[in-house]
C-alpha cells in the first residue's frame, strides 16, 4: 500500500486536492506564474508549517495509529489496532517528561525575546529552527517517497 502521507498519483479524472489547487493558481496567475506561485505556496506549507502540524495533530500521519499528538501520549482517535498506538504504555511517561523540557525551552525562548527583542531571537533561534525543521521534512519526505 505504500506510505500514508505520499499522495496517490492522479489519473487526471479528479480536480480536487493539490491538483485542483494548482489549477486555481494557474487560472488566476497564468500558466507559468501560477505554477511558480503554487510551488512556493506548497513549499511554505510543507517546509514551514508541515513539521509543527505533524507534531501537534499528526497531519499526514495516516489513520493506522489514530490521530496523534506528540505532546499528548494517548491517541486522539482510536487506532485500527490498539497495539499500534504511536506511544506504547512504557513510552507515555517519557512523553510527559519531554513535554516539561519543551515547556522550559519555550519559556526560555519567550523570556529571551522579551529581553533581547524578537529580531534577535529569530536570528539566533527562530530561523535556525525553521532551517532544521525544513531539513527534517525534506529528508523524511524523500525517504518515504517511492519515486
C-alpha atoms as a PDB file:
ATOM      1  CA  UNK A   1       0.000   0.000   0.000  1.00  0.00           C
ATOM      2  CA  UNK A   2       2.912   2.402   0.460  1.00  0.00           C
ATOM      3  CA  UNK A   3       3.251   5.273   2.880  1.00  0.00           C
ATOM      4  CA  UNK A   4       0.093   7.014   4.006  1.00  0.00           C
ATOM      5  CA  UNK A   5       1.411  10.552   3.525  1.00  0.00           C
ATOM      6  CA  UNK A   6       2.572  10.135  -0.079  1.00  0.00           C
ATOM      7  CA  UNK A   7      -0.141  11.412  -2.425  1.00  0.00           C
ATOM      8  CA  UNK A   8      -1.777   8.978  -4.776  1.00  0.00           C
ATOM      9  CA  UNK A   9      -0.899   9.506  -8.433  1.00  0.00           C
ATOM     10  CA  UNK A  10      -3.703  11.184 -10.333  1.00  0.00           C
ATOM     11  CA  UNK A  11      -5.286   9.698 -13.404  1.00  0.00           C
ATOM     12  CA  UNK A  12      -6.478  13.188 -14.371  1.00  0.00           C
ATOM     13  CA  UNK A  13     -10.138  12.439 -13.694  1.00  0.00           C
ATOM     14  CA  UNK A  14     -10.378  14.421 -10.441  1.00  0.00           C
ATOM     15  CA  UNK A  15      -9.934  18.133  -9.872  1.00  0.00           C
ATOM     16  CA  UNK A  16      -9.678  18.064  -6.080  1.00  0.00           C
ATOM     17  CA  UNK A  17      -6.751  18.157  -3.700  1.00  0.00           C
ATOM     18  CA  UNK A  18      -3.462  19.740  -4.673  1.00  0.00           C
ATOM     19  CA  UNK A  19      -4.054  19.284  -8.409  1.00  0.00           C
ATOM     20  CA  UNK A  20      -7.243  21.334  -8.133  1.00  0.00           C
ATOM     21  CA  UNK A  21      -5.414  23.984  -6.095  1.00  0.00           C
ATOM     22  CA  UNK A  22      -2.674  24.154  -8.715  1.00  0.00           C
ATOM     23  CA  UNK A  23      -5.245  24.753 -11.443  1.00  0.00           C
ATOM     24  CA  UNK A  24      -6.736  27.621  -9.410  1.00  0.00           C
ATOM     25  CA  UNK A  25      -3.317  29.276  -9.102  1.00  0.00           C
ATOM     26  CA  UNK A  26      -2.762  28.831 -12.832  1.00  0.00           C
ATOM     27  CA  UNK A  27      -6.189  30.195 -13.783  1.00  0.00           C
ATOM     28  CA  UNK A  28      -5.636  33.334 -11.678  1.00  0.00           C
ATOM     29  CA  UNK A  29      -1.936  33.999 -12.381  1.00  0.00           C
ATOM     30  CA  UNK A  30      -1.373  32.297 -15.730  1.00  0.00           C
ATOM     31  CA  UNK A  31       0.355  29.043 -16.580  1.00  0.00           C
ATOM     32  CA  UNK A  32       3.968  29.848 -15.624  1.00  0.00           C
ATOM     33  CA  UNK A  33       3.447  32.356 -12.765  1.00  0.00           C
ATOM     34  CA  UNK A  34       0.615  30.224 -11.349  1.00  0.00           C
ATOM     35  CA  UNK A  35       2.828  27.133 -11.280  1.00  0.00           C
ATOM     36  CA  UNK A  36       5.640  29.090  -9.591  1.00  0.00           C
ATOM     37  CA  UNK A  37       3.262  30.616  -7.025  1.00  0.00           C
ATOM     38  CA  UNK A  38       1.719  27.205  -6.326  1.00  0.00           C
ATOM     39  CA  UNK A  39       5.198  25.714  -5.849  1.00  0.00           C
ATOM     40  CA  UNK A  40       6.131  28.460  -3.391  1.00  0.00           C
ATOM     41  CA  UNK A  41       2.844  28.017  -1.536  1.00  0.00           C
ATOM     42  CA  UNK A  42       3.372  24.252  -1.269  1.00  0.00           C
ATOM     43  CA  UNK A  43       6.971  24.747  -0.091  1.00  0.00           C
ATOM     44  CA  UNK A  44       5.731  27.096   2.639  1.00  0.00           C
ATOM     45  CA  UNK A  45       3.022  24.648   3.714  1.00  0.00           C
ATOM     46  CA  UNK A  46       5.313  21.635   3.780  1.00  0.00           C
ATOM     47  CA  UNK A  47       8.615  23.091   4.976  1.00  0.00           C
ATOM     48  CA  UNK A  48       7.456  25.775   7.409  1.00  0.00           C
ATOM     49  CA  UNK A  49       4.096  24.521   8.695  1.00  0.00           C
ATOM     50  CA  UNK A  50       4.452  20.789   7.965  1.00  0.00           C
ATOM     51  CA  UNK A  51       6.647  19.682  10.854  1.00  0.00           C
ATOM     52  CA  UNK A  52       4.733  21.585  13.573  1.00  0.00           C
ATOM     53  CA  UNK A  53       1.433  20.334  12.096  1.00  0.00           C
ATOM     54  CA  UNK A  54       2.720  16.761  12.216  1.00  0.00           C
ATOM     55  CA  UNK A  55       3.836  17.130  15.834  1.00  0.00           C
ATOM     56  CA  UNK A  56       0.630  18.836  17.011  1.00  0.00           C
ATOM     57  CA  UNK A  57      -2.079  16.935  15.109  1.00  0.00           C
ATOM     58  CA  UNK A  58      -0.357  14.115  13.241  1.00  0.00           C
ATOM     59  CA  UNK A  59      -1.048  15.810   9.891  1.00  0.00           C
ATOM     60  CA  UNK A  60      -0.178  13.442   7.020  1.00  0.00           C
ATOM     61  CA  UNK A  61       0.432  10.644   9.520  1.00  0.00           C
ATOM     62  CA  UNK A  62      -2.330   8.353   8.266  1.00  0.00           C
ATOM     63  CA  UNK A  63      -5.118   6.566  10.125  1.00  0.00           C
ATOM     64  CA  UNK A  64      -3.297   3.428  11.297  1.00  0.00           C
ATOM     65  CA  UNK A  65      -2.177   4.831  14.652  1.00  0.00           C
ATOM     66  CA  UNK A  66      -5.197   7.079  15.128  1.00  0.00           C
ATOM     67  CA  UNK A  67      -4.969  10.855  15.210  1.00  0.00           C
ATOM     68  CA  UNK A  68      -1.880  11.507  17.267  1.00  0.00           C
ATOM     69  CA  UNK A  69      -0.186  14.355  19.037  1.00  0.00           C
ATOM     70  CA  UNK A  70       3.467  14.151  20.013  1.00  0.00           C
ATOM     71  CA  UNK A  71       2.796  16.093  23.220  1.00  0.00           C
ATOM     72  CA  UNK A  72      -0.210  14.066  24.419  1.00  0.00           C
ATOM     73  CA  UNK A  73       0.733  10.374  24.552  1.00  0.00           C
ATOM     74  CA  UNK A  74      -2.778   8.940  24.168  1.00  0.00           C
ATOM     75  CA  UNK A  75      -4.240   8.798  20.643  1.00  0.00           C
ATOM     76  CA  UNK A  76      -6.910  11.436  19.982  1.00  0.00           C
ATOM     77  CA  UNK A  77      -8.840   8.877  17.911  1.00  0.00           C
ATOM     78  CA  UNK A  78      -8.757   5.083  18.179  1.00  0.00           C
ATOM     79  CA  UNK A  79      -6.056   3.359  16.119  1.00  0.00           C
ATOM     80  CA  UNK A  80      -7.083   0.462  13.886  1.00  0.00           C
ATOM     81  CA  UNK A  81      -5.324  -1.901  16.285  1.00  0.00           C
ATOM     82  CA  UNK A  82      -4.733  -0.943  19.969  1.00  0.00           C
ATOM     83  CA  UNK A  83      -1.227  -2.403  19.900  1.00  0.00           C
ATOM     84  CA  UNK A  84      -0.337   0.048  17.090  1.00  0.00           C
ATOM     85  CA  UNK A  85      -0.557   3.191  19.230  1.00  0.00           C
ATOM     86  CA  UNK A  86       2.173   5.717  18.426  1.00  0.00           C
ATOM     87  CA  UNK A  87       3.385   5.629  22.035  1.00  0.00           C
ATOM     88  CA  UNK A  88       3.221   2.239  23.771  1.00  0.00           C
ATOM     89  CA  UNK A  89       2.455   2.268  27.503  1.00  0.00           C
ATOM     90  CA  UNK A  90       6.110   2.278  28.564  1.00  0.00           C
ATOM     91  CA  UNK A  91       6.798   5.441  26.485  1.00  0.00           C
ATOM     92  CA  UNK A  92       3.920   7.561  27.767  1.00  0.00           C
ATOM     93  CA  UNK A  93       5.812   8.732  30.844  1.00  0.00           C
ATOM     94  CA  UNK A  94       8.728   9.739  28.622  1.00  0.00           C
ATOM     95  CA  UNK A  95       6.378  11.877  26.513  1.00  0.00           C
ATOM     96  CA  UNK A  96       5.254  13.742  29.639  1.00  0.00           C
ATOM     97  CA  UNK A  97       8.893  14.254  30.656  1.00  0.00           C
ATOM     98  CA  UNK A  98       9.685  15.574  27.201  1.00  0.00           C
ATOM     99  CA  UNK A  99       6.741  17.981  27.484  1.00  0.00           C
ATOM    100  CA  UNK A 100       8.369  19.505  30.557  1.00  0.00           C
ATOM    101  CA  UNK A 101      11.550  20.103  28.555  1.00  0.00           C
ATOM    102  CA  UNK A 102       9.583  21.667  25.685  1.00  0.00           C
ATOM    103  CA  UNK A 103       7.755  23.967  28.132  1.00  0.00           C
ATOM    104  CA  UNK A 104      11.019  25.033  29.794  1.00  0.00           C
ATOM    105  CA  UNK A 105      12.654  25.737  26.428  1.00  0.00           C
ATOM    106  CA  UNK A 106       9.580  27.621  25.178  1.00  0.00           C
ATOM    107  CA  UNK A 107       9.620  29.756  28.319  1.00  0.00           C
ATOM    108  CA  UNK A 108      13.344  30.441  27.899  1.00  0.00           C
ATOM    109  CA  UNK A 109      12.871  31.486  24.261  1.00  0.00           C
ATOM    110  CA  UNK A 110       9.968  33.797  25.174  1.00  0.00           C
ATOM    111  CA  UNK A 111      11.989  35.330  28.021  1.00  0.00           C
ATOM    112  CA  UNK A 112      14.958  35.833  25.702  1.00  0.00           C
ATOM    113  CA  UNK A 113      12.685  37.502  23.124  1.00  0.00           C
ATOM    114  CA  UNK A 114      11.221  39.761  25.832  1.00  0.00           C
ATOM    115  CA  UNK A 115      14.677  40.961  26.942  1.00  0.00           C
ATOM    116  CA  UNK A 116      16.613  40.958  23.648  1.00  0.00           C
ATOM    117  CA  UNK A 117      13.818  41.543  21.134  1.00  0.00           C
ATOM    118  CA  UNK A 118      12.046  39.368  18.589  1.00  0.00           C
ATOM    119  CA  UNK A 119      14.501  40.081  15.722  1.00  0.00           C
ATOM    120  CA  UNK A 120      17.445  38.867  17.815  1.00  0.00           C
ATOM    121  CA  UNK A 121      15.522  35.804  18.969  1.00  0.00           C
ATOM    122  CA  UNK A 122      14.531  34.975  15.367  1.00  0.00           C
ATOM    123  CA  UNK A 123      18.118  35.402  14.167  1.00  0.00           C
ATOM    124  CA  UNK A 124      19.591  33.195  16.884  1.00  0.00           C
ATOM    125  CA  UNK A 125      16.805  30.662  17.422  1.00  0.00           C
ATOM    126  CA  UNK A 126      13.800  31.051  15.109  1.00  0.00           C
ATOM    127  CA  UNK A 127      15.458  30.962  11.703  1.00  0.00           C
ATOM    128  CA  UNK A 128      17.854  28.102  12.586  1.00  0.00           C
ATOM    129  CA  UNK A 129      14.827  26.184  13.908  1.00  0.00           C
ATOM    130  CA  UNK A 130      12.993  26.739  10.622  1.00  0.00           C
ATOM    131  CA  UNK A 131      16.042  25.506   8.660  1.00  0.00           C
ATOM    132  CA  UNK A 132      16.363  22.368  10.799  1.00  0.00           C
ATOM    133  CA  UNK A 133      12.613  21.662  10.617  1.00  0.00           C
ATOM    134  CA  UNK A 134      12.660  22.133   6.840  1.00  0.00           C
ATOM    135  CA  UNK A 135      15.593  19.739   6.554  1.00  0.00           C
ATOM    136  CA  UNK A 136      13.738  17.148   8.653  1.00  0.00           C
ATOM    137  CA  UNK A 137      10.693  17.417   6.392  1.00  0.00           C
ATOM    138  CA  UNK A 138      12.729  17.207   3.174  1.00  0.00           C
ATOM    139  CA  UNK A 139      14.745  14.121   4.038  1.00  0.00           C
ATOM    140  CA  UNK A 140      11.762  12.370   5.624  1.00  0.00           C
ATOM    141  CA  UNK A 141       9.696  13.127   2.533  1.00  0.00           C
ATOM    142  CA  UNK A 142      12.451  11.802   0.250  1.00  0.00           C
ATOM    143  CA  UNK A 143      12.927   8.694   2.381  1.00  0.00           C
ATOM    144  CA  UNK A 144       9.212   7.834   2.265  1.00  0.00           C
ATOM    145  CA  UNK A 145       8.599   8.588  -1.415  1.00  0.00           C
ATOM    146  CA  UNK A 146       8.895   5.741  -3.875  1.00  0.00           C
ATOM    147  CA  UNK A 147       9.945   7.720  -6.941  1.00  0.00           C
END
